[in-house]
Amino acid sequence: VAKDLGLQLPEFRVVRILEKGRTQYFALHGKTGHLVTAERIDREQLCENVQQCVLRCEVIVEGDM
């Protein structure tokens, strides 16, 4: 995420990841800026009876870009 946005890691301070639902499945690794899984993702539980399973999230970076 940091590389895609052209941010240096010290600038990468306030980041929020918004997802629908209560469980946060994704997080941002503080040292690398990589988007990583924060929770186990159980496809059968999340996408029961759906052929294509998609988890959507928004990454919000606060501050000047």
N, C-alpha and C. Protein backbone atom coordinates (compact mmCIF):
# COMPACT_ATOMS: atom_id res chain seq x y z
N VAL A 1 0.84 -1.18 0.00
CA VAL A 1 0.00 0.00 0.00
C VAL A 1 0.88 1.25 0.00
N ALA A 2 1.90 1.26 0.85
CA ALA A 2 2.80 2.42 0.90
C ALA A 2 3.47 2.64 -0.46
N LYS A 3 3.93 1.58 -1.08
CA LYS A 3 4.59 1.69 -2.38
C LYS A 3 3.61 2.16 -3.45
N ASP A 4 2.39 1.62 -3.46
CA ASP A 4 1.39 2.01 -4.45
C ASP A 4 1.01 3.48 -4.33
N LEU A 5 1.00 4.01 -3.12
CA LEU A 5 0.64 5.41 -2.89
C LEU A 5 1.85 6.35 -2.97
N GLY A 6 3.05 5.79 -3.07
CA GLY A 6 4.25 6.60 -3.15
C GLY A 6 4.60 7.26 -1.82
N LEU A 7 4.28 6.58 -0.71
CA LEU A 7 4.55 7.13 0.62
C LEU A 7 5.80 6.51 1.22
N GLN A 8 6.53 7.31 1.95
CA GLN A 8 7.66 6.79 2.74
C GLN A 8 7.07 6.32 4.07
N LEU A 9 7.68 5.33 4.67
CA LEU A 9 7.12 4.74 5.89
C LEU A 9 6.96 5.73 7.05
N PRO A 10 7.83 6.72 7.27
CA PRO A 10 7.54 7.67 8.35
C PRO A 10 6.26 8.47 8.11
N GLU A 11 5.87 8.68 6.84
CA GLU A 11 4.64 9.40 6.53
C GLU A 11 3.41 8.54 6.77
N PHE A 12 3.62 7.27 6.87
CA PHE A 12 2.57 6.27 6.89
C PHE A 12 2.07 6.06 8.31
N ARG A 13 1.60 7.10 8.96
CA ARG A 13 1.27 7.01 10.38
C ARG A 13 -0.18 6.68 10.64
N VAL A 14 -1.10 7.49 10.14
CA VAL A 14 -2.51 7.29 10.47
C VAL A 14 -3.21 6.67 9.27
N VAL A 15 -3.47 5.37 9.40
CA VAL A 15 -4.11 4.63 8.33
C VAL A 15 -5.25 3.84 8.93
N ARG A 16 -6.39 3.91 8.28
CA ARG A 16 -7.54 3.12 8.72
C ARG A 16 -7.97 2.20 7.59
N ILE A 17 -8.36 1.01 7.96
CA ILE A 17 -8.89 0.06 6.98
C ILE A 17 -10.34 -0.18 7.36
N LEU A 18 -11.24 0.17 6.46
CA LEU A 18 -12.67 0.04 6.71
C LEU A 18 -13.21 -1.18 5.99
N GLU A 19 -13.96 -1.99 6.73
CA GLU A 19 -14.58 -3.16 6.18
C GLU A 19 -16.01 -3.24 6.69
N LYS A 20 -16.88 -3.89 5.92
CA LYS A 20 -18.23 -4.11 6.40
C LYS A 20 -18.19 -5.22 7.44
N GLY A 21 -19.03 -5.11 8.44
CA GLY A 21 -19.08 -6.13 9.47
C GLY A 21 -18.19 -5.80 10.65
N ARG A 22 -18.20 -6.67 11.62
CA ARG A 22 -17.46 -6.43 12.87
C ARG A 22 -16.03 -6.93 12.84
N THR A 23 -15.78 -7.96 12.07
CA THR A 23 -14.45 -8.56 12.05
C THR A 23 -13.55 -7.80 11.08
N GLN A 24 -12.37 -7.45 11.55
CA GLN A 24 -11.37 -6.80 10.71
C GLN A 24 -10.46 -7.89 10.16
N TYR A 25 -10.60 -8.19 8.87
CA TYR A 25 -9.82 -9.26 8.26
C TYR A 25 -8.46 -8.80 7.77
N PHE A 26 -8.28 -7.49 7.59
CA PHE A 26 -7.04 -6.97 7.04
C PHE A 26 -6.41 -5.96 7.98
N ALA A 27 -5.09 -5.85 7.91
CA ALA A 27 -4.34 -4.87 8.70
C ALA A 27 -3.17 -4.42 7.84
N LEU A 28 -2.53 -3.37 8.29
CA LEU A 28 -1.37 -2.85 7.59
C LEU A 28 -0.14 -3.12 8.44
N HIS A 29 0.86 -3.76 7.85
CA HIS A 29 2.10 -4.06 8.56
C HIS A 29 2.86 -2.75 8.73
N GLY A 30 3.13 -2.37 9.97
CA GLY A 30 3.72 -1.07 10.28
C GLY A 30 5.11 -0.83 9.71
N LYS A 31 5.92 -1.87 9.61
CA LYS A 31 7.30 -1.69 9.14
C LYS A 31 7.43 -1.73 7.62
N THR A 32 6.56 -2.49 6.96
CA THR A 32 6.70 -2.65 5.52
C THR A 32 5.63 -1.91 4.72
N GLY A 33 4.49 -1.60 5.34
CA GLY A 33 3.38 -0.98 4.62
C GLY A 33 2.58 -1.95 3.79
N HIS A 34 2.79 -3.26 4.00
CA HIS A 34 2.06 -4.29 3.26
C HIS A 34 0.69 -4.53 3.88
N LEU A 35 -0.29 -4.79 3.03
CA LEU A 35 -1.61 -5.18 3.49
C LEU A 35 -1.56 -6.67 3.81
N VAL A 36 -1.92 -7.04 5.04
CA VAL A 36 -1.83 -8.44 5.48
C VAL A 36 -3.16 -8.87 6.08
N THR A 37 -3.35 -10.18 6.20
CA THR A 37 -4.55 -10.68 6.86
C THR A 37 -4.38 -10.58 8.37
N ALA A 38 -5.43 -10.11 9.04
CA ALA A 38 -5.38 -9.94 10.48
C ALA A 38 -6.15 -11.05 11.20
N GLU A 39 -7.05 -11.68 10.48
CA GLU A 39 -7.87 -12.77 11.04
C GLU A 39 -7.92 -13.91 10.03
N ARG A 40 -8.24 -15.07 10.53
CA ARG A 40 -8.43 -16.22 9.65
C ARG A 40 -9.66 -15.96 8.79
N ILE A 41 -9.56 -16.20 7.49
CA ILE A 41 -10.66 -15.98 6.56
C ILE A 41 -11.25 -17.34 6.20
N ASP A 42 -12.47 -17.59 6.65
CA ASP A 42 -13.16 -18.85 6.40
C ASP A 42 -14.15 -18.65 5.27
N ARG A 43 -13.79 -19.08 4.08
CA ARG A 43 -14.63 -18.87 2.90
C ARG A 43 -16.00 -19.50 3.05
N GLU A 44 -16.08 -20.69 3.60
CA GLU A 44 -17.36 -21.38 3.75
C GLU A 44 -18.31 -20.60 4.66
N GLN A 45 -17.77 -19.96 5.67
CA GLN A 45 -18.59 -19.19 6.59
C GLN A 45 -19.01 -17.85 5.98
N LEU A 46 -18.09 -17.17 5.32
CA LEU A 46 -18.36 -15.84 4.78
C LEU A 46 -19.20 -15.86 3.51
N CYS A 47 -18.94 -16.81 2.65
CA CYS A 47 -19.56 -16.80 1.31
C CYS A 47 -20.33 -18.08 1.05
N GLU A 48 -21.12 -18.48 1.99
CA GLU A 48 -21.91 -19.69 1.86
C GLU A 48 -22.84 -19.57 0.65
N ASN A 49 -22.85 -20.57 -0.21
CA ASN A 49 -23.70 -20.63 -1.39
C ASN A 49 -23.39 -19.57 -2.44
N VAL A 50 -22.21 -18.98 -2.40
CA VAL A 50 -21.80 -17.99 -3.39
C VAL A 50 -20.56 -18.51 -4.10
N GLN A 51 -20.59 -18.51 -5.42
CA GLN A 51 -19.47 -19.07 -6.16
C GLN A 51 -18.24 -18.16 -6.10
N GLN A 52 -18.44 -16.85 -6.26
CA GLN A 52 -17.32 -15.91 -6.23
C GLN A 52 -17.33 -15.18 -4.90
N CYS A 53 -16.29 -15.38 -4.09
CA CYS A 53 -16.20 -14.78 -2.76
C CYS A 53 -15.27 -13.57 -2.82
N VAL A 54 -15.80 -12.39 -2.46
CA VAL A 54 -15.02 -11.16 -2.52
C VAL A 54 -15.14 -10.43 -1.19
N LEU A 55 -14.02 -10.05 -0.60
CA LEU A 55 -14.00 -9.21 0.60
C LEU A 55 -13.52 -7.84 0.19
N ARG A 56 -14.30 -6.84 0.46
CA ARG A 56 -13.93 -5.48 0.07
C ARG A 56 -13.52 -4.69 1.31
N CYS A 57 -12.54 -3.80 1.13
CA CYS A 57 -12.14 -2.92 2.20
C CYS A 57 -11.65 -1.61 1.59
N GLU A 58 -11.67 -0.57 2.39
CA GLU A 58 -11.15 0.74 1.98
C GLU A 58 -9.97 1.07 2.86
N VAL A 59 -8.91 1.60 2.26
CA VAL A 59 -7.74 2.04 3.01
C VAL A 59 -7.76 3.56 2.99
N ILE A 60 -7.80 4.16 4.18
CA ILE A 60 -7.84 5.60 4.30
C ILE A 60 -6.54 6.06 4.96
N VAL A 61 -5.80 6.93 4.27
CA VAL A 61 -4.56 7.49 4.79
C VAL A 61 -4.84 8.94 5.12
N GLU A 62 -4.66 9.32 6.39
CA GLU A 62 -4.90 10.68 6.81
C GLU A 62 -3.62 11.50 6.71
N GLY A 63 -3.76 12.75 6.31
CA GLY A 63 -2.61 13.64 6.20
C GLY A 63 -2.38 14.05 4.75
N ASP A 64 -1.34 14.81 4.53
CA ASP A 64 -1.01 15.30 3.20
C ASP A 64 -0.42 14.20 2.36
N MET A 65 -0.80 14.20 1.09
CA MET A 65 -0.26 13.23 0.13
C MET A 65 0.30 13.97 -1.05
